[in-house]
Amino acid sequence: MQTIFKDEYTRRVSGEIFTYEASHDSGKNVQWRARIFLNGDLKGEPSGSIVDNTLTGNDLRQYVVSYIESIIERGLGIDE
């Protein structure tokens, strides 16, 4: 089952407001992907996996959200 969601994140360092669309599947080996935007412009498309996952539901979603927001905060793979 795939979960799809949208959210926004305000970067602490600069105050820029990024929006993102993300999805993840569920199960033992989770694949996730995101599209990150600033002012409507695509700035990055990070993705990853969680191996030997034991999280479900909102706990899994929050894990993926935390990962995406840390990428935004640090500017990892984000076009400035």
PDB file of N, CA and C in Angstrom:
ATOM      1  N   MET A   1       0.840  -1.183   0.000  1.00  0.00           N
ATOM      2  CA  MET A   1       0.000   0.000   0.000  1.00  0.00           C
ATOM      3  C   MET A   1       0.886   1.247   0.000  1.00  0.00           C
ATOM      4  N   GLN A   2       0.585   2.186  -0.878  1.00  0.00           N
ATOM      5  CA  GLN A   2       1.380   3.407  -0.979  1.00  0.00           C
ATOM      6  C   GLN A   2       0.663   4.564  -0.283  1.00  0.00           C
ATOM      7  N   THR A   3       1.413   5.338   0.486  1.00  0.00           N
ATOM      8  CA  THR A   3       0.907   6.528   1.150  1.00  0.00           C
ATOM      9  C   THR A   3       1.474   7.741   0.421  1.00  0.00           C
ATOM     10  N   ILE A   4       0.615   8.691   0.088  1.00  0.00           N
ATOM     11  CA  ILE A   4       1.018   9.913  -0.613  1.00  0.00           C
ATOM     12  C   ILE A   4       0.568  11.095   0.238  1.00  0.00           C
ATOM     13  N   PHE A   5       1.449  12.090   0.381  1.00  0.00           N
ATOM     14  CA  PHE A   5       1.084  13.269   1.167  1.00  0.00           C
ATOM     15  C   PHE A   5       1.852  14.495   0.689  1.00  0.00           C
ATOM     16  N   LYS A   6       1.351  15.678   1.088  1.00  0.00           N
ATOM     17  CA  LYS A   6       1.994  16.957   0.795  1.00  0.00           C
ATOM     18  C   LYS A   6       2.156  17.704   2.110  1.00  0.00           C
ATOM     19  N   ASP A   7       3.205  18.510   2.186  1.00  0.00           N
ATOM     20  CA  ASP A   7       3.441  19.288   3.402  1.00  0.00           C
ATOM     21  C   ASP A   7       4.353  20.456   3.059  1.00  0.00           C
ATOM     22  N   GLU A   8       4.662  21.265   4.057  1.00  0.00           N
ATOM     23  CA  GLU A   8       5.618  22.350   3.857  1.00  0.00           C
ATOM     24  C   GLU A   8       6.562  22.393   5.041  1.00  0.00           C
ATOM     25  N   TYR A   9       7.731  22.988   4.791  1.00  0.00           N
ATOM     26  CA  TYR A   9       8.752  23.084   5.823  1.00  0.00           C
ATOM     27  C   TYR A   9       9.437  24.440   5.704  1.00  0.00           C
ATOM     28  N   THR A  10       9.574  25.137   6.821  1.00  0.00           N
ATOM     29  CA  THR A  10      10.279  26.411   6.851  1.00  0.00           C
ATOM     30  C   THR A  10      11.702  26.169   7.349  1.00  0.00           C
ATOM     31  N   ARG A  11      12.646  26.485   6.502  1.00  0.00           N
ATOM     32  CA  ARG A  11      14.061  26.288   6.831  1.00  0.00           C
ATOM     33  C   ARG A  11      14.450  27.243   7.959  1.00  0.00           C
ATOM     34  N   ARG A  12      15.012  26.700   9.030  1.00  0.00           N
ATOM     35  CA  ARG A  12      15.388  27.500  10.201  1.00  0.00           C
ATOM     36  C   ARG A  12      16.475  28.513   9.877  1.00  0.00           C
ATOM     37  N   VAL A  13      17.416  28.118   9.053  1.00  0.00           N
ATOM     38  CA  VAL A  13      18.571  28.967   8.748  1.00  0.00           C
ATOM     39  C   VAL A  13      18.166  30.229   7.984  1.00  0.00           C
ATOM     40  N   SER A  14      17.313  30.077   6.962  1.00  0.00           N
ATOM     41  CA  SER A  14      17.012  31.198   6.070  1.00  0.00           C
ATOM     42  C   SER A  14      15.560  31.662   6.103  1.00  0.00           C
ATOM     43  N   GLY A  15      14.681  30.853   6.677  1.00  0.00           N
ATOM     44  CA  GLY A  15      13.264  31.211   6.710  1.00  0.00           C
ATOM     45  C   GLY A  15      12.517  30.904   5.426  1.00  0.00           C
ATOM     46  N   GLU A  16      13.194  30.303   4.443  1.00  0.00           N
ATOM     47  CA  GLU A  16      12.532  29.943   3.189  1.00  0.00           C
ATOM     48  C   GLU A  16      11.497  28.855   3.455  1.00  0.00           C
ATOM     49  N   ILE A  17      10.355  28.962   2.774  1.00  0.00           N
ATOM     50  CA  ILE A  17       9.295  27.972   2.936  1.00  0.00           C
ATOM     51  C   ILE A  17       9.291  27.044   1.728  1.00  0.00           C
ATOM     52  N   PHE A  18       9.626  25.798   1.965  1.00  0.00           N
ATOM     53  CA  PHE A  18       9.632  24.768   0.934  1.00  0.00           C
ATOM     54  C   PHE A  18       8.345  23.957   1.049  1.00  0.00           C
ATOM     55  N   THR A  19       7.820  23.525  -0.064  1.00  0.00           N
ATOM     56  CA  THR A  19       6.719  22.570  -0.069  1.00  0.00           C
ATOM     57  C   THR A  19       7.249  21.266  -0.644  1.00  0.00           C
ATOM     58  N   TYR A  20       6.594  20.177  -0.283  1.00  0.00           N
ATOM     59  CA  TYR A  20       7.025  18.901  -0.847  1.00  0.00           C
ATOM     60  C   TYR A  20       5.852  17.954  -0.988  1.00  0.00           C
ATOM     61  N   GLU A  21       5.985  17.093  -1.983  1.00  0.00           N
ATOM     62  CA  GLU A  21       5.062  15.993  -2.230  1.00  0.00           C
ATOM     63  C   GLU A  21       5.873  14.727  -2.013  1.00  0.00           C
ATOM     64  N   ALA A  22       5.333  13.806  -1.253  1.00  0.00           N
ATOM     65  CA  ALA A  22       6.104  12.606  -0.940  1.00  0.00           C
ATOM     66  C   ALA A  22       5.223  11.371  -0.975  1.00  0.00           C
ATOM     67  N   SER A  23       5.877  10.239  -1.136  1.00  0.00           N
ATOM     68  CA  SER A  23       5.161   8.966  -1.086  1.00  0.00           C
ATOM     69  C   SER A  23       6.085   7.912  -0.499  1.00  0.00           C
ATOM     70  N   HIS A  24       5.468   6.927   0.111  1.00  0.00           N
ATOM     71  CA  HIS A  24       6.229   5.773   0.599  1.00  0.00           C
ATOM     72  C   HIS A  24       5.318   4.560   0.568  1.00  0.00           C
ATOM     73  N   ASP A  25       5.937   3.416   0.414  1.00  0.00           N
ATOM     74  CA  ASP A  25       5.163   2.188   0.510  1.00  0.00           C
ATOM     75  C   ASP A  25       5.327   1.656   1.926  1.00  0.00           C
ATOM     76  N   SER A  26       4.835   0.473   2.191  1.00  0.00           N
ATOM     77  CA  SER A  26       4.937  -0.095   3.526  1.00  0.00           C
ATOM     78  C   SER A  26       5.486  -1.512   3.427  1.00  0.00           C
ATOM     79  N   GLY A  27       5.797  -2.075   4.554  1.00  0.00           N
ATOM     80  CA  GLY A  27       6.333  -3.422   4.570  1.00  0.00           C
ATOM     81  C   GLY A  27       7.718  -3.451   5.171  1.00  0.00           C
ATOM     82  N   LYS A  28       8.406  -4.546   4.970  1.00  0.00           N
ATOM     83  CA  LYS A  28       9.727  -4.742   5.558  1.00  0.00           C
ATOM     84  C   LYS A  28      10.794  -3.850   4.917  1.00  0.00           C
ATOM     85  N   ASN A  29      10.716  -3.674   3.600  1.00  0.00           N
ATOM     86  CA  ASN A  29      11.657  -2.814   2.880  1.00  0.00           C
ATOM     87  C   ASN A  29      10.874  -1.688   2.205  1.00  0.00           C
ATOM     88  N   VAL A  30      10.938  -0.518   2.794  1.00  0.00           N
ATOM     89  CA  VAL A  30      10.141   0.637   2.374  1.00  0.00           C
ATOM     90  C   VAL A  30      10.932   1.501   1.396  1.00  0.00           C
ATOM     91  N   GLN A  31      10.306   1.868   0.299  1.00  0.00           N
ATOM     92  CA  GLN A  31      10.875   2.835  -0.646  1.00  0.00           C
ATOM     93  C   GLN A  31      10.108   4.150  -0.461  1.00  0.00           C
ATOM     94  N   TRP A  32      10.830   5.258  -0.403  1.00  0.00           N
ATOM     95  CA  TRP A  32      10.177   6.551  -0.323  1.00  0.00           C
ATOM     96  C   TRP A  32      10.791   7.488  -1.360  1.00  0.00           C
ATOM     97  N   ARG A  33      10.025   8.493  -1.747  1.00  0.00           N
ATOM     98  CA  ARG A  33      10.496   9.498  -2.705  1.00  0.00           C
ATOM     99  C   ARG A  33       9.769  10.807  -2.441  1.00  0.00           C
ATOM    100  N   ALA A  34      10.428  11.891  -2.795  1.00  0.00           N
ATOM    101  CA  ALA A  34       9.846  13.218  -2.581  1.00  0.00           C
ATOM    102  C   ALA A  34      10.215  14.145  -3.722  1.00  0.00           C
ATOM    103  N   ARG A  35       9.371  15.124  -3.928  1.00  0.00           N
ATOM    104  CA  ARG A  35       9.645  16.233  -4.850  1.00  0.00           C
ATOM    105  C   ARG A  35       9.549  17.496  -4.019  1.00  0.00           C
ATOM    106  N   ILE A  36      10.640  18.272  -3.998  1.00  0.00           N
ATOM    107  CA  ILE A  36      10.736  19.453  -3.148  1.00  0.00           C
ATOM    108  C   ILE A  36      10.699  20.709  -4.010  1.00  0.00           C
ATOM    109  N   PHE A  37       9.875  21.678  -3.584  1.00  0.00           N
ATOM    110  CA  PHE A  37       9.658  22.904  -4.345  1.00  0.00           C
ATOM    111  C   PHE A  37       9.915  24.133  -3.484  1.00  0.00           C
ATOM    112  N   LEU A  38      10.386  25.195  -4.131  1.00  0.00           N
ATOM    113  CA  LEU A  38      10.511  26.507  -3.512  1.00  0.00           C
ATOM    114  C   LEU A  38       9.885  27.499  -4.480  1.00  0.00           C
ATOM    115  N   ASN A  39       8.865  28.191  -4.038  1.00  0.00           N
ATOM    116  CA  ASN A  39       8.135  29.141  -4.892  1.00  0.00           C
ATOM    117  C   ASN A  39       7.649  28.488  -6.178  1.00  0.00           C
ATOM    118  N   GLY A  40       7.238  27.238  -6.093  1.00  0.00           N
ATOM    119  CA  GLY A  40       6.717  26.524  -7.254  1.00  0.00           C
ATOM    120  C   GLY A  40       7.762  25.905  -8.155  1.00  0.00           C
ATOM    121  N   ASP A  41       9.043  26.168  -7.910  1.00  0.00           N
ATOM    122  CA  ASP A  41      10.124  25.617  -8.730  1.00  0.00           C
ATOM    123  C   ASP A  41      10.658  24.339  -8.082  1.00  0.00           C
ATOM    124  N   LEU A  42      10.787  23.292  -8.890  1.00  0.00           N
ATOM    125  CA  LEU A  42      11.328  22.024  -8.396  1.00  0.00           C
ATOM    126  C   LEU A  42      12.791  22.215  -8.005  1.00  0.00           C
ATOM    127  N   LYS A  43      13.123  21.859  -6.769  1.00  0.00           N
ATOM    128  CA  LYS A  43      14.485  22.045  -6.257  1.00  0.00           C
ATOM    129  C   LYS A  43      15.213  20.745  -5.981  1.00  0.00           C
ATOM    130  N   GLY A  44      14.494  19.631  -5.936  1.00  0.00           N
ATOM    131  CA  GLY A  44      15.150  18.364  -5.686  1.00  0.00           C
ATOM    132  C   GLY A  44      14.160  17.218  -5.651  1.00  0.00           C
ATOM    133  N   GLU A  45      14.678  16.011  -5.881  1.00  0.00           N
ATOM    134  CA  GLU A  45      13.860  14.808  -5.865  1.00  0.00           C
ATOM    135  C   GLU A  45      14.575  13.689  -5.109  1.00  0.00           C
ATOM    136  N   PRO A  46      14.725  13.858  -3.786  1.00  0.00           N
ATOM    137  CA  PRO A  46      15.404  12.821  -3.017  1.00  0.00           C
ATOM    138  C   PRO A  46      14.542  11.560  -2.897  1.00  0.00           C
ATOM    139  N   SER A  47      15.210  10.451  -2.677  1.00  0.00           N
ATOM    140  CA  SER A  47      14.517   9.182  -2.462  1.00  0.00           C
ATOM    141  C   SER A  47      15.411   8.301  -1.609  1.00  0.00           C
ATOM    142  N   GLY A  48      14.826   7.257  -1.081  1.00  0.00           N
ATOM    143  CA  GLY A  48      15.617   6.357  -0.271  1.00  0.00           C
ATOM    144  C   GLY A  48      14.839   5.118   0.099  1.00  0.00           C
ATOM    145  N   SER A  49      15.421   4.345   0.976  1.00  0.00           N
ATOM    146  CA  SER A  49      14.768   3.120   1.424  1.00  0.00           C
ATOM    147  C   SER A  49      15.036   2.900   2.901  1.00  0.00           C
ATOM    148  N   ILE A  50      14.144   2.168   3.517  1.00  0.00           N
ATOM    149  CA  ILE A  50      14.284   1.764   4.909  1.00  0.00           C
ATOM    150  C   ILE A  50      14.291   0.241   4.897  1.00  0.00           C
ATOM    151  N   VAL A  51      15.400  -0.336   5.288  1.00  0.00           N
ATOM    152  CA  VAL A  51      15.574  -1.786   5.261  1.00  0.00           C
ATOM    153  C   VAL A  51      15.214  -2.360   6.631  1.00  0.00           C
ATOM    154  N   ASP A  52      14.582  -3.503   6.636  1.00  0.00           N
ATOM    155  CA  ASP A  52      14.145  -4.161   7.872  1.00  0.00           C
ATOM    156  C   ASP A  52      13.236  -3.255   8.702  1.00  0.00           C
ATOM    157  N   ASN A  53      12.337  -2.566   8.035  1.00  0.00           N
ATOM    158  CA  ASN A  53      11.411  -1.644   8.670  1.00  0.00           C
ATOM    159  C   ASN A  53      10.454  -2.363   9.619  1.00  0.00           C
ATOM    160  N   THR A  54      10.193  -1.723  10.758  1.00  0.00           N
ATOM    161  CA  THR A  54       9.193  -2.234  11.690  1.00  0.00           C
ATOM    162  C   THR A  54       8.108  -1.198  11.969  1.00  0.00           C
ATOM    163  N   LEU A  55       8.221  -0.017  11.354  1.00  0.00           N
ATOM    164  CA  LEU A  55       7.253   1.062  11.581  1.00  0.00           C
ATOM    165  C   LEU A  55       6.020   0.884  10.706  1.00  0.00           C
ATOM    166  N   THR A  56       4.884   1.371  11.188  1.00  0.00           N
ATOM    167  CA  THR A  56       3.641   1.351  10.416  1.00  0.00           C
ATOM    168  C   THR A  56       2.894   2.659  10.618  1.00  0.00           C
ATOM    169  N   GLY A  57       1.913   2.908   9.770  1.00  0.00           N
ATOM    170  CA  GLY A  57       0.998   4.035   9.938  1.00  0.00           C
ATOM    171  C   GLY A  57       1.688   5.369  10.096  1.00  0.00           C
ATOM    172  N   ASN A  58       1.194   6.142  11.088  1.00  0.00           N
ATOM    173  CA  ASN A  58       1.704   7.489  11.308  1.00  0.00           C
ATOM    174  C   ASN A  58       3.164   7.491  11.734  1.00  0.00           C
ATOM    175  N   ASP A  59       3.610   6.462  12.437  1.00  0.00           N
ATOM    176  CA  ASP A  59       5.021   6.396  12.837  1.00  0.00           C
ATOM    177  C   ASP A  59       5.937   6.329  11.617  1.00  0.00           C
ATOM    178  N   LEU A  60       5.547   5.553  10.625  1.00  0.00           N
ATOM    179  CA  LEU A  60       6.329   5.449   9.390  1.00  0.00           C
ATOM    180  C   LEU A  60       6.305   6.772   8.634  1.00  0.00           C
ATOM    181  N   ARG A  61       5.120   7.379   8.528  1.00  0.00           N
ATOM    182  CA  ARG A  61       5.000   8.676   7.840  1.00  0.00           C
ATOM    183  C   ARG A  61       5.887   9.714   8.518  1.00  0.00           C
ATOM    184  N   GLN A  62       5.857   9.786   9.850  1.00  0.00           N
ATOM    185  CA  GLN A  62       6.664  10.765  10.571  1.00  0.00           C
ATOM    186  C   GLN A  62       8.157  10.536  10.374  1.00  0.00           C
ATOM    187  N   TYR A  63       8.567   9.287  10.265  1.00  0.00           N
ATOM    188  CA  TYR A  63       9.974   8.978  10.001  1.00  0.00           C
ATOM    189  C   TYR A  63      10.386   9.544   8.639  1.00  0.00           C
ATOM    190  N   VAL A  64       9.554   9.317   7.627  1.00  0.00           N
ATOM    191  CA  VAL A  64       9.850   9.821   6.280  1.00  0.00           C
ATOM    192  C   VAL A  64       9.833  11.345   6.278  1.00  0.00           C
ATOM    193  N   VAL A  65       8.857  11.971   6.931  1.00  0.00           N
ATOM    194  CA  VAL A  65       8.782  13.436   7.023  1.00  0.00           C
ATOM    195  C   VAL A  65      10.053  13.982   7.660  1.00  0.00           C
ATOM    196  N   SER A  66      10.497  13.395   8.758  1.00  0.00           N
ATOM    197  CA  SER A  66      11.708  13.864   9.437  1.00  0.00           C
ATOM    198  C   SER A  66      12.919  13.789   8.523  1.00  0.00           C
ATOM    199  N   TYR A  67      13.013  12.719   7.764  1.00  0.00           N
ATOM    200  CA  TYR A  67      14.130  12.546   6.842  1.00  0.00           C
ATOM    201  C   TYR A  67      14.104  13.626   5.760  1.00  0.00           C
ATOM    202  N   ILE A  68      12.940  13.843   5.157  1.00  0.00           N
ATOM    203  CA  ILE A  68      12.802  14.854   4.101  1.00  0.00           C
ATOM    204  C   ILE A  68      13.115  16.240   4.646  1.00  0.00           C
ATOM    205  N   GLU A  69      12.593  16.568   5.814  1.00  0.00           N
ATOM    206  CA  GLU A  69      12.810  17.900   6.372  1.00  0.00           C
ATOM    207  C   GLU A  69      14.262  18.118   6.775  1.00  0.00           C
ATOM    208  N   SER A  70      14.958  17.075   7.179  1.00  0.00           N
ATOM    209  CA  SER A  70      16.385  17.236   7.474  1.00  0.00           C
ATOM    210  C   SER A  70      17.181  17.470   6.188  1.00  0.00           C
ATOM    211  N   ILE A  71      16.756  16.860   5.097  1.00  0.00           N
ATOM    212  CA  ILE A  71      17.391  17.110   3.796  1.00  0.00           C
ATOM    213  C   ILE A  71      17.208  18.573   3.395  1.00  0.00           C
ATOM    214  N   ILE A  72      15.990  19.084   3.563  1.00  0.00           N
ATOM    215  CA  ILE A  72      15.715  20.486   3.230  1.00  0.00           C
ATOM    216  C   ILE A  72      16.544  21.409   4.115  1.00  0.00           C
ATOM    217  N   GLU A  73      16.556  21.169   5.409  1.00  0.00           N
ATOM    218  CA  GLU A  73      17.274  22.030   6.345  1.00  0.00           C
ATOM    219  C   GLU A  73      18.757  22.107   6.005  1.00  0.00           C
ATOM    220  N   ARG A  74      19.336  20.994   5.647  1.00  0.00           N
ATOM    221  CA  ARG A  74      20.778  20.957   5.364  1.00  0.00           C
ATOM    222  C   ARG A  74      21.113  21.282   3.907  1.00  0.00           C
ATOM    223  N   GLY A  75      20.078  21.374   3.054  1.00  0.00           N
ATOM    224  CA  GLY A  75      20.317  21.702   1.652  1.00  0.00           C
ATOM    225  C   GLY A  75      20.963  20.570   0.875  1.00  0.00           C
ATOM    226  N   LEU A  76      20.788  19.339   1.327  1.00  0.00           N
ATOM    227  CA  LEU A  76      21.403  18.195   0.683  1.00  0.00           C
ATOM    228  C   LEU A  76      20.656  17.838  -0.600  1.00  0.00           C
ATOM    229  N   GLY A  77      21.305  17.980  -1.746  1.00  0.00           N
ATOM    230  CA  GLY A  77      20.676  17.652  -3.008  1.00  0.00           C
ATOM    231  C   GLY A  77      19.593  18.615  -3.432  1.00  0.00           C
ATOM    232  N   ILE A  78      19.576  19.788  -2.825  1.00  0.00           N
ATOM    233  CA  ILE A  78      18.569  20.806  -3.142  1.00  0.00           C
ATOM    234  C   ILE A  78      19.244  21.907  -3.960  1.00  0.00           C
ATOM    235  N   ASP A  79      18.678  22.202  -5.129  1.00  0.00           N
ATOM    236  CA  ASP A  79      19.199  23.311  -5.932  1.00  0.00           C
ATOM    237  C   ASP A  79      18.866  24.611  -5.241  1.00  0.00           C
ATOM    238  N   GLU A  80      19.870  25.412  -5.027  1.00  0.00           N
ATOM    239  CA  GLU A  80      19.669  26.712  -4.340  1.00  0.00           C
ATOM    240  C   GLU A  80      19.415  27.806  -5.354  1.00  0.00           C
TER     241      GLU A  80
END
